[in-house]
N, C-alpha and C. Protein backbone atom coordinates (compact mmCIF):
# COMPACT_ATOMS: atom_id res chain seq x y z
N MET A 1 40.46 110.99 219.06
CA MET A 1 39.64 110.61 220.20
C MET A 1 40.47 110.59 221.48
N LYS A 2 41.71 110.18 221.37
CA LYS A 2 42.60 110.11 222.52
C LYS A 2 42.84 111.52 223.09
N LYS A 3 43.07 112.51 222.22
CA LYS A 3 43.30 113.89 222.66
C LYS A 3 42.05 114.47 223.33
N LEU A 4 40.89 114.18 222.77
CA LEU A 4 39.64 114.67 223.35
C LEU A 4 39.42 114.08 224.74
N THR A 5 39.73 112.82 224.92
CA THR A 5 39.59 112.17 226.23
C THR A 5 40.53 112.80 227.25
N ILE A 6 41.77 113.04 226.85
CA ILE A 6 42.75 113.63 227.77
C ILE A 6 42.33 115.05 228.16
N ILE A 7 41.91 115.84 227.20
CA ILE A 7 41.47 117.21 227.49
C ILE A 7 40.24 117.20 228.38
N SER A 8 39.29 116.30 228.12
CA SER A 8 38.08 116.20 228.96
C SER A 8 38.43 115.82 230.39
N LEU A 9 39.35 114.86 230.56
CA LEU A 9 39.74 114.45 231.91
C LEU A 9 40.44 115.58 232.66
N ILE A 10 41.28 116.34 231.98
CA ILE A 10 41.96 117.46 232.63
C ILE A 10 40.95 118.51 233.07
N LEU A 11 40.04 118.88 232.19
CA LEU A 11 39.03 119.88 232.53
C LEU A 11 38.11 119.40 233.63
N PHE A 12 37.69 118.13 233.59
CA PHE A 12 36.79 117.59 234.60
C PHE A 12 37.49 117.48 235.95
N SER A 13 38.75 117.02 235.97
CA SER A 13 39.44 116.83 237.24
C SER A 13 39.73 118.15 237.93
N THR A 14 40.02 119.22 237.17
CA THR A 14 40.26 120.50 237.83
C THR A 14 38.96 121.15 238.28
N SER A 15 37.85 120.89 237.60
CA SER A 15 36.59 121.51 238.02
C SER A 15 35.97 120.81 239.22
N ILE A 16 36.40 119.58 239.53
CA ILE A 16 35.89 118.89 240.71
C ILE A 16 36.23 119.68 241.97
N TYR A 17 37.43 120.22 242.05
CA TYR A 17 37.89 120.92 243.24
C TYR A 17 37.85 122.43 243.10
N SER A 18 37.33 122.93 242.00
CA SER A 18 37.42 124.37 241.75
C SER A 18 36.61 125.17 242.76
N GLN A 19 37.25 126.19 243.25
CA GLN A 19 36.61 127.10 244.18
C GLN A 19 37.44 128.38 244.20
N ALA A 20 36.80 129.51 244.17
CA ALA A 20 37.49 130.79 244.19
C ALA A 20 37.13 131.54 245.47
N HIS A 21 38.10 132.26 246.00
CA HIS A 21 37.91 133.06 247.21
C HIS A 21 38.33 134.49 246.90
N ILE A 22 37.50 135.43 247.28
CA ILE A 22 37.86 136.84 247.23
C ILE A 22 37.98 137.28 248.68
N GLY A 23 39.12 137.87 249.02
CA GLY A 23 39.35 138.21 250.41
C GLY A 23 39.97 139.57 250.60
N ALA A 24 39.90 140.05 251.84
CA ALA A 24 40.51 141.32 252.22
C ALA A 24 41.64 141.05 253.20
N MET A 25 42.63 141.93 253.18
CA MET A 25 43.76 141.75 254.08
C MET A 25 44.27 143.09 254.57
N GLY A 26 44.87 143.06 255.71
CA GLY A 26 45.51 144.24 256.28
C GLY A 26 46.78 143.81 256.95
N GLY A 27 47.82 144.63 256.80
CA GLY A 27 49.10 144.24 257.37
C GLY A 27 50.02 145.41 257.60
N TYR A 28 51.26 145.06 257.90
CA TYR A 28 52.27 146.04 258.25
C TYR A 28 53.56 145.65 257.54
N ASN A 29 54.14 146.58 256.78
CA ASN A 29 55.41 146.36 256.11
C ASN A 29 56.52 146.63 257.12
N LEU A 30 57.27 145.61 257.48
CA LEU A 30 58.31 145.74 258.50
C LEU A 30 59.50 146.55 258.00
N GLU A 31 59.74 146.59 256.69
CA GLU A 31 60.86 147.33 256.12
C GLU A 31 60.60 148.83 256.11
N SER A 32 59.45 149.25 255.58
CA SER A 32 59.16 150.68 255.47
C SER A 32 58.34 151.21 256.63
N GLU A 33 57.91 150.33 257.52
CA GLU A 33 57.10 150.68 258.69
C GLU A 33 55.82 151.39 258.29
N LYS A 34 55.13 150.85 257.27
CA LYS A 34 53.87 151.42 256.79
C LYS A 34 52.77 150.37 256.86
N THR A 35 51.55 150.84 257.08
CA THR A 35 50.38 149.98 257.09
C THR A 35 49.93 149.73 255.66
N GLN A 36 49.46 148.50 255.39
CA GLN A 36 49.00 148.13 254.06
C GLN A 36 47.62 147.51 254.15
N VAL A 37 46.80 147.74 253.14
CA VAL A 37 45.52 147.06 252.98
C VAL A 37 45.46 146.52 251.56
N GLY A 38 44.66 145.47 251.38
CA GLY A 38 44.60 144.90 250.05
C GLY A 38 43.42 143.98 249.85
N ILE A 39 43.36 143.46 248.64
CA ILE A 39 42.32 142.52 248.26
C ILE A 39 43.00 141.42 247.45
N GLY A 40 42.46 140.21 247.57
CA GLY A 40 43.07 139.08 246.87
C GLY A 40 42.04 138.17 246.25
N LEU A 41 42.47 137.45 245.25
CA LEU A 41 41.64 136.46 244.57
C LEU A 41 42.45 135.19 244.46
N ASN A 42 41.92 134.08 244.96
CA ASN A 42 42.57 132.79 244.87
C ASN A 42 41.64 131.79 244.22
N TYR A 43 42.20 130.96 243.36
CA TYR A 43 41.44 129.92 242.68
C TYR A 43 42.04 128.57 243.06
N MET A 44 41.24 127.73 243.70
CA MET A 44 41.71 126.43 244.16
C MET A 44 41.63 125.43 243.01
N LEU A 45 42.80 124.96 242.56
CA LEU A 45 42.85 123.97 241.50
C LEU A 45 42.60 122.56 242.03
N LEU A 46 43.25 122.23 243.13
CA LEU A 46 43.15 120.94 243.80
C LEU A 46 42.97 121.22 245.29
N PRO A 47 42.63 120.22 246.10
CA PRO A 47 42.41 120.50 247.53
C PRO A 47 43.62 121.12 248.24
N LYS A 48 44.83 120.89 247.75
CA LYS A 48 46.01 121.44 248.41
C LYS A 48 46.75 122.49 247.59
N VAL A 49 46.29 122.77 246.38
CA VAL A 49 47.00 123.69 245.49
C VAL A 49 46.05 124.79 245.01
N SER A 50 46.49 126.04 245.12
CA SER A 50 45.71 127.16 244.59
C SER A 50 46.65 128.18 243.96
N VAL A 51 46.11 128.96 243.04
CA VAL A 51 46.84 130.05 242.42
C VAL A 51 46.04 131.32 242.64
N GLY A 52 46.72 132.46 242.62
CA GLY A 52 45.99 133.69 242.87
C GLY A 52 46.79 134.94 242.65
N ALA A 53 46.17 136.05 242.99
CA ALA A 53 46.80 137.36 242.88
C ALA A 53 46.27 138.24 244.01
N MET A 54 47.12 139.16 244.47
CA MET A 54 46.74 140.11 245.51
C MET A 54 47.20 141.49 245.09
N ALA A 55 46.47 142.50 245.45
CA ALA A 55 46.87 143.88 245.25
C ALA A 55 46.85 144.57 246.60
N MET A 56 47.97 145.19 246.96
CA MET A 56 48.07 145.87 248.25
C MET A 56 48.54 147.30 248.03
N ILE A 57 47.98 148.22 248.81
CA ILE A 57 48.36 149.63 248.73
C ILE A 57 48.65 150.15 250.13
N THR A 58 49.31 151.30 250.17
CA THR A 58 49.56 152.01 251.43
C THR A 58 48.64 153.22 251.44
N PRO A 59 47.45 153.11 252.03
CA PRO A 59 46.46 154.18 251.90
C PRO A 59 46.63 155.35 252.85
N PHE A 60 47.39 155.20 253.90
CA PHE A 60 47.42 156.23 254.95
C PHE A 60 48.62 157.16 254.84
N ASP A 61 49.36 157.09 253.75
CA ASP A 61 50.53 157.94 253.56
C ASP A 61 50.29 158.82 252.35
N ASP A 62 50.06 160.11 252.56
CA ASP A 62 49.74 161.04 251.47
C ASP A 62 50.94 161.35 250.58
N GLU A 63 52.15 161.18 251.08
CA GLU A 63 53.33 161.61 250.34
C GLU A 63 53.86 160.57 249.35
N SER A 64 53.40 159.36 249.38
CA SER A 64 53.92 158.35 248.45
C SER A 64 52.76 157.56 247.85
N SER A 65 53.06 156.91 246.75
CA SER A 65 52.05 156.08 246.08
C SER A 65 52.59 154.66 245.99
N ASP A 66 52.55 153.95 247.09
CA ASP A 66 53.07 152.59 247.14
C ASP A 66 51.99 151.59 246.77
N TYR A 67 52.34 150.62 245.95
CA TYR A 67 51.42 149.53 245.66
C TYR A 67 52.22 148.28 245.32
N MET A 68 51.58 147.15 245.47
CA MET A 68 52.16 145.86 245.12
C MET A 68 51.09 145.00 244.49
N ILE A 69 51.45 144.31 243.44
CA ILE A 69 50.60 143.28 242.86
C ILE A 69 51.39 141.99 242.95
N MET A 70 50.81 141.00 243.59
CA MET A 70 51.52 139.76 243.87
C MET A 70 50.79 138.59 243.21
N TYR A 71 51.49 137.86 242.37
CA TYR A 71 50.96 136.65 241.72
C TYR A 71 51.58 135.47 242.43
N ASN A 72 50.74 134.50 242.85
CA ASN A 72 51.29 133.44 243.68
C ASN A 72 50.67 132.08 243.43
N ALA A 73 51.32 131.09 243.97
CA ALA A 73 50.81 129.73 244.05
C ALA A 73 50.96 129.30 245.51
N LYS A 74 49.97 128.56 246.01
CA LYS A 74 49.97 128.15 247.41
C LYS A 74 49.83 126.64 247.50
N TYR A 75 50.51 126.07 248.49
CA TYR A 75 50.41 124.64 248.77
C TYR A 75 50.07 124.47 250.24
N LYS A 76 49.02 123.71 250.53
CA LYS A 76 48.53 123.54 251.89
C LYS A 76 49.22 122.36 252.58
N LEU A 77 49.72 122.61 253.79
CA LEU A 77 50.31 121.58 254.65
C LEU A 77 49.67 121.70 256.03
N GLY A 78 48.57 121.00 256.26
CA GLY A 78 47.85 121.10 257.53
C GLY A 78 47.24 122.48 257.68
N ASN A 79 47.61 123.19 258.76
CA ASN A 79 47.11 124.55 258.98
C ASN A 79 48.00 125.61 258.34
N PHE A 80 49.09 125.20 257.70
CA PHE A 80 50.02 126.12 257.07
C PHE A 80 49.88 126.08 255.56
N TYR A 81 50.16 127.21 254.93
CA TYR A 81 50.18 127.31 253.48
C TYR A 81 51.55 127.86 253.09
N LEU A 82 52.25 127.17 252.20
CA LEU A 82 53.49 127.67 251.65
C LEU A 82 53.16 128.48 250.41
N VAL A 83 53.68 129.69 250.31
CA VAL A 83 53.35 130.61 249.23
C VAL A 83 54.62 131.00 248.49
N GLY A 84 54.54 131.02 247.18
CA GLY A 84 55.65 131.48 246.36
C GLY A 84 55.11 132.19 245.14
N GLY A 85 55.82 133.21 244.67
CA GLY A 85 55.32 133.91 243.50
C GLY A 85 56.17 135.09 243.12
N LEU A 86 55.59 135.94 242.29
CA LEU A 86 56.24 137.15 241.81
C LEU A 86 55.51 138.37 242.34
N MET A 87 56.28 139.38 242.68
CA MET A 87 55.73 140.61 243.22
C MET A 87 56.13 141.77 242.30
N ASP A 88 55.14 142.50 241.81
CA ASP A 88 55.37 143.70 241.01
C ASP A 88 55.07 144.88 241.91
N MET A 89 56.08 145.70 242.19
CA MET A 89 55.87 146.73 243.19
C MET A 89 56.39 148.09 242.74
N LYS A 90 55.77 149.11 243.30
CA LYS A 90 56.21 150.50 243.13
C LYS A 90 56.19 151.11 244.51
N MET A 91 57.35 151.35 245.05
CA MET A 91 57.48 151.96 246.37
C MET A 91 58.12 153.32 246.15
N GLY A 92 57.29 154.35 246.12
CA GLY A 92 57.77 155.70 245.82
C GLY A 92 58.54 156.31 246.95
N ASP A 93 59.34 157.33 246.62
CA ASP A 93 60.10 158.02 247.65
C ASP A 93 59.38 159.29 248.06
N LYS A 94 59.84 159.90 249.10
CA LYS A 94 59.27 161.16 249.57
C LYS A 94 59.73 162.29 248.66
N PRO A 95 58.87 163.25 248.35
CA PRO A 95 59.26 164.32 247.44
C PRO A 95 60.33 165.27 247.99
N ASN A 96 60.49 165.37 249.29
CA ASN A 96 61.44 166.31 249.85
C ASN A 96 62.80 165.69 250.15
N MET A 97 63.06 164.47 249.72
CA MET A 97 64.36 163.84 249.95
C MET A 97 65.37 164.33 248.92
N SER A 98 66.63 164.25 249.28
CA SER A 98 67.68 164.65 248.34
C SER A 98 67.79 163.64 247.21
N MET A 99 68.47 164.02 246.13
CA MET A 99 68.59 163.16 244.95
C MET A 99 69.35 161.89 245.27
N SER A 100 70.38 161.95 246.07
CA SER A 100 71.15 160.74 246.38
C SER A 100 70.33 159.76 247.20
N MET A 101 69.52 160.27 248.12
CA MET A 101 68.70 159.38 248.92
C MET A 101 67.56 158.80 248.10
N SER A 102 66.97 159.59 247.19
CA SER A 102 65.84 159.10 246.43
C SER A 102 66.25 158.00 245.48
N MET A 103 67.50 158.02 245.01
CA MET A 103 67.96 156.95 244.13
C MET A 103 68.05 155.63 244.90
N ASN A 104 68.37 155.71 246.17
CA ASN A 104 68.46 154.50 246.98
C ASN A 104 67.10 154.04 247.49
N MET A 105 66.16 154.97 247.69
CA MET A 105 64.88 154.63 248.29
C MET A 105 63.81 154.23 247.28
N ASP A 106 63.94 154.62 246.01
CA ASP A 106 62.93 154.32 245.01
C ASP A 106 63.05 152.86 244.60
N MET A 107 62.03 152.06 244.91
CA MET A 107 62.08 150.63 244.63
C MET A 107 60.97 150.26 243.67
N ASP A 108 61.34 149.94 242.44
CA ASP A 108 60.39 149.52 241.43
C ASP A 108 60.86 148.19 240.87
N GLY A 109 59.91 147.43 240.33
CA GLY A 109 60.31 146.22 239.62
C GLY A 109 59.55 145.00 240.06
N THR A 110 59.94 143.90 239.45
CA THR A 110 59.34 142.61 239.74
C THR A 110 60.40 141.72 240.36
N GLU A 111 60.04 141.05 241.41
CA GLU A 111 60.99 140.15 242.07
C GLU A 111 60.24 138.98 242.68
N PRO A 112 60.93 137.87 242.89
CA PRO A 112 60.27 136.72 243.53
C PRO A 112 60.09 136.95 245.03
N TYR A 113 59.12 136.29 245.58
CA TYR A 113 58.91 136.35 247.02
C TYR A 113 58.40 134.99 247.50
N PHE A 114 58.50 134.76 248.78
CA PHE A 114 57.90 133.58 249.38
C PHE A 114 57.17 134.02 250.63
N GLY A 115 56.28 133.17 251.06
CA GLY A 115 55.50 133.52 252.24
C GLY A 115 55.00 132.29 252.97
N LEU A 116 54.40 132.55 254.08
CA LEU A 116 53.83 131.52 254.92
C LEU A 116 52.51 132.05 255.46
N GLU A 117 51.47 131.24 255.36
CA GLU A 117 50.17 131.59 255.93
C GLU A 117 49.80 130.53 256.97
N TYR A 118 49.14 130.98 258.02
CA TYR A 118 48.73 130.08 259.09
C TYR A 118 47.26 130.31 259.39
N LYS A 119 46.51 129.23 259.46
CA LYS A 119 45.08 129.29 259.78
C LYS A 119 44.92 128.81 261.23
N PRO A 120 44.79 129.76 262.20
CA PRO A 120 44.77 129.37 263.60
C PRO A 120 43.49 128.69 264.08
N PHE A 121 42.37 128.95 263.42
CA PHE A 121 41.10 128.40 263.87
C PHE A 121 40.58 127.41 262.84
N LYS A 122 40.13 126.26 263.30
CA LYS A 122 39.68 125.20 262.39
C LYS A 122 38.41 125.59 261.63
N ASN A 123 37.46 126.22 262.29
CA ASN A 123 36.17 126.53 261.67
C ASN A 123 36.09 127.94 261.09
N LYS A 124 37.12 128.72 261.22
CA LYS A 124 37.15 130.09 260.69
C LYS A 124 38.16 130.16 259.55
N MET A 125 37.91 131.04 258.59
CA MET A 125 38.81 131.17 257.45
C MET A 125 39.87 132.26 257.65
N LEU A 126 39.96 132.85 258.83
CA LEU A 126 40.96 133.86 259.12
C LEU A 126 42.35 133.26 259.01
N LYS A 127 43.27 133.97 258.36
CA LYS A 127 44.65 133.51 258.22
C LYS A 127 45.60 134.63 258.63
N ILE A 128 46.73 134.24 259.18
CA ILE A 128 47.82 135.15 259.49
C ILE A 128 48.90 134.89 258.44
N TYR A 129 49.45 135.96 257.86
CA TYR A 129 50.44 135.76 256.80
C TYR A 129 51.74 136.50 257.07
N TYR A 130 52.80 135.99 256.46
CA TYR A 130 54.11 136.65 256.43
C TYR A 130 54.65 136.50 255.02
N ASN A 131 55.00 137.62 254.38
CA ASN A 131 55.59 137.62 253.04
C ASN A 131 57.00 138.19 253.13
N HIS A 132 57.93 137.58 252.38
CA HIS A 132 59.33 137.98 252.46
C HIS A 132 59.92 138.09 251.06
N SER A 133 60.60 139.19 250.80
CA SER A 133 61.38 139.37 249.57
C SER A 133 62.55 140.29 249.91
N ASP A 134 63.39 140.58 248.92
CA ASP A 134 64.52 141.48 249.18
C ASP A 134 64.08 142.88 249.54
N MET A 135 62.97 143.35 248.96
CA MET A 135 62.52 144.72 249.18
C MET A 135 61.43 144.86 250.23
N MET A 136 60.81 143.75 250.65
CA MET A 136 59.67 143.86 251.55
C MET A 136 59.57 142.65 252.48
N LYS A 137 59.19 142.94 253.68
CA LYS A 137 58.85 141.92 254.66
C LYS A 137 57.57 142.41 255.33
N SER A 138 56.48 141.66 255.17
CA SER A 138 55.22 142.14 255.75
C SER A 138 54.53 141.02 256.51
N ILE A 139 53.73 141.44 257.48
CA ILE A 139 52.97 140.52 258.31
C ILE A 139 51.56 141.10 258.43
N GLY A 140 50.55 140.22 258.52
CA GLY A 140 49.19 140.72 258.65
C GLY A 140 48.17 139.62 258.73
N ILE A 141 46.90 139.99 258.58
CA ILE A 141 45.80 139.03 258.60
C ILE A 141 44.99 139.14 257.32
N MET A 142 44.37 138.05 256.94
CA MET A 142 43.48 138.04 255.78
C MET A 142 42.27 137.20 256.09
N MET A 143 41.15 137.57 255.49
CA MET A 143 39.93 136.79 255.66
C MET A 143 39.09 136.89 254.39
N PRO A 144 38.39 135.80 254.05
CA PRO A 144 37.58 135.82 252.83
C PRO A 144 36.34 136.68 252.99
N ILE A 145 35.96 137.30 251.89
CA ILE A 145 34.74 138.09 251.85
C ILE A 145 33.65 137.33 251.12
N PHE A 146 34.07 136.64 250.05
CA PHE A 146 33.12 136.01 249.16
C PHE A 146 33.73 134.73 248.59
N ASN A 147 32.97 133.63 248.59
CA ASN A 147 33.41 132.36 248.02
C ASN A 147 32.58 132.04 246.79
N LEU A 148 33.23 131.63 245.73
CA LEU A 148 32.57 131.22 244.50
C LEU A 148 32.89 129.75 244.25
N GLY A 149 31.94 129.00 243.78
CA GLY A 149 32.22 127.61 243.42
C GLY A 149 31.62 126.63 244.39
N LYS A 150 32.12 125.43 244.29
CA LYS A 150 31.60 124.32 245.08
C LYS A 150 32.07 124.41 246.52
N LYS A 151 31.23 124.00 247.42
CA LYS A 151 31.60 123.88 248.82
C LYS A 151 32.35 122.57 248.97
N MET A 152 33.56 122.63 249.48
CA MET A 152 34.38 121.43 249.56
C MET A 152 34.26 120.79 250.95
N ASP A 153 34.07 119.50 250.95
CA ASP A 153 34.04 118.73 252.18
C ASP A 153 35.22 117.78 252.12
N HIS A 154 36.22 117.99 252.97
CA HIS A 154 37.43 117.19 252.93
C HIS A 154 37.34 115.93 253.77
N THR A 155 36.20 115.68 254.40
CA THR A 155 36.05 114.46 255.18
C THR A 155 35.32 113.42 254.36
N MET A 156 35.63 112.17 254.62
CA MET A 156 34.95 111.10 253.90
C MET A 156 33.90 110.49 254.81
N HIS A 157 32.69 110.34 254.30
CA HIS A 157 31.61 109.77 255.09
C HIS A 157 31.39 108.33 254.64
N VAL A 158 31.27 107.45 255.60
CA VAL A 158 31.01 106.04 255.30
C VAL A 158 29.71 105.65 255.97
N ASP A 159 28.76 105.15 255.18
CA ASP A 159 27.48 104.70 255.73
C ASP A 159 27.60 103.23 256.10
N HIS A 160 27.11 102.87 257.29
CA HIS A 160 27.15 101.48 257.73
C HIS A 160 25.79 100.86 257.61
C-alpha cells in the first residue's frame, strides 16, 4: 500500500503542472555562418522545470546535410531559462574540399551544450535563444505553434 501511495503521488503531482509545447525556431550558427530552422517539443514537469528535444537543419545549403538533435532540460528564472543537454549533430563538409581539410571540418557526434533563453514580452511566448557548445554557437528566435495540456495560471487569486 505504501508503494502504491508513493507512485500515485508522483504521477498526480507531475500531471498537475503537465503541459507540452510544440514550437518552431529559426536561427543563425555563428561558427559555420549558416541559417538554421527547426522544430521543438517541450514537456513541462513543474512550473519551473521542463524537458524536451529540438531538431534543427540547415535547409538553404545544397552542398551539405547538416542537422542537430538536441535533448535538453530547462529551468526558469524569471524571464530567463537556463538550458542544458546533449546535442547529436552531423555537420557535413563540402564535397570539393581537400582530404586534409575535410578531416578537420567534418563534425559528427554527441556532446554536451548549454544555453540561455530570454522571453522579452510578458504576454507573448516569443523567446530569444543562445546555444553554446564546442562545435556550435547559435542565436535565434523561437515561438510556440501548439500547446497541449492544462492552461497554467501562475497567479494566486484570493476572494475577499
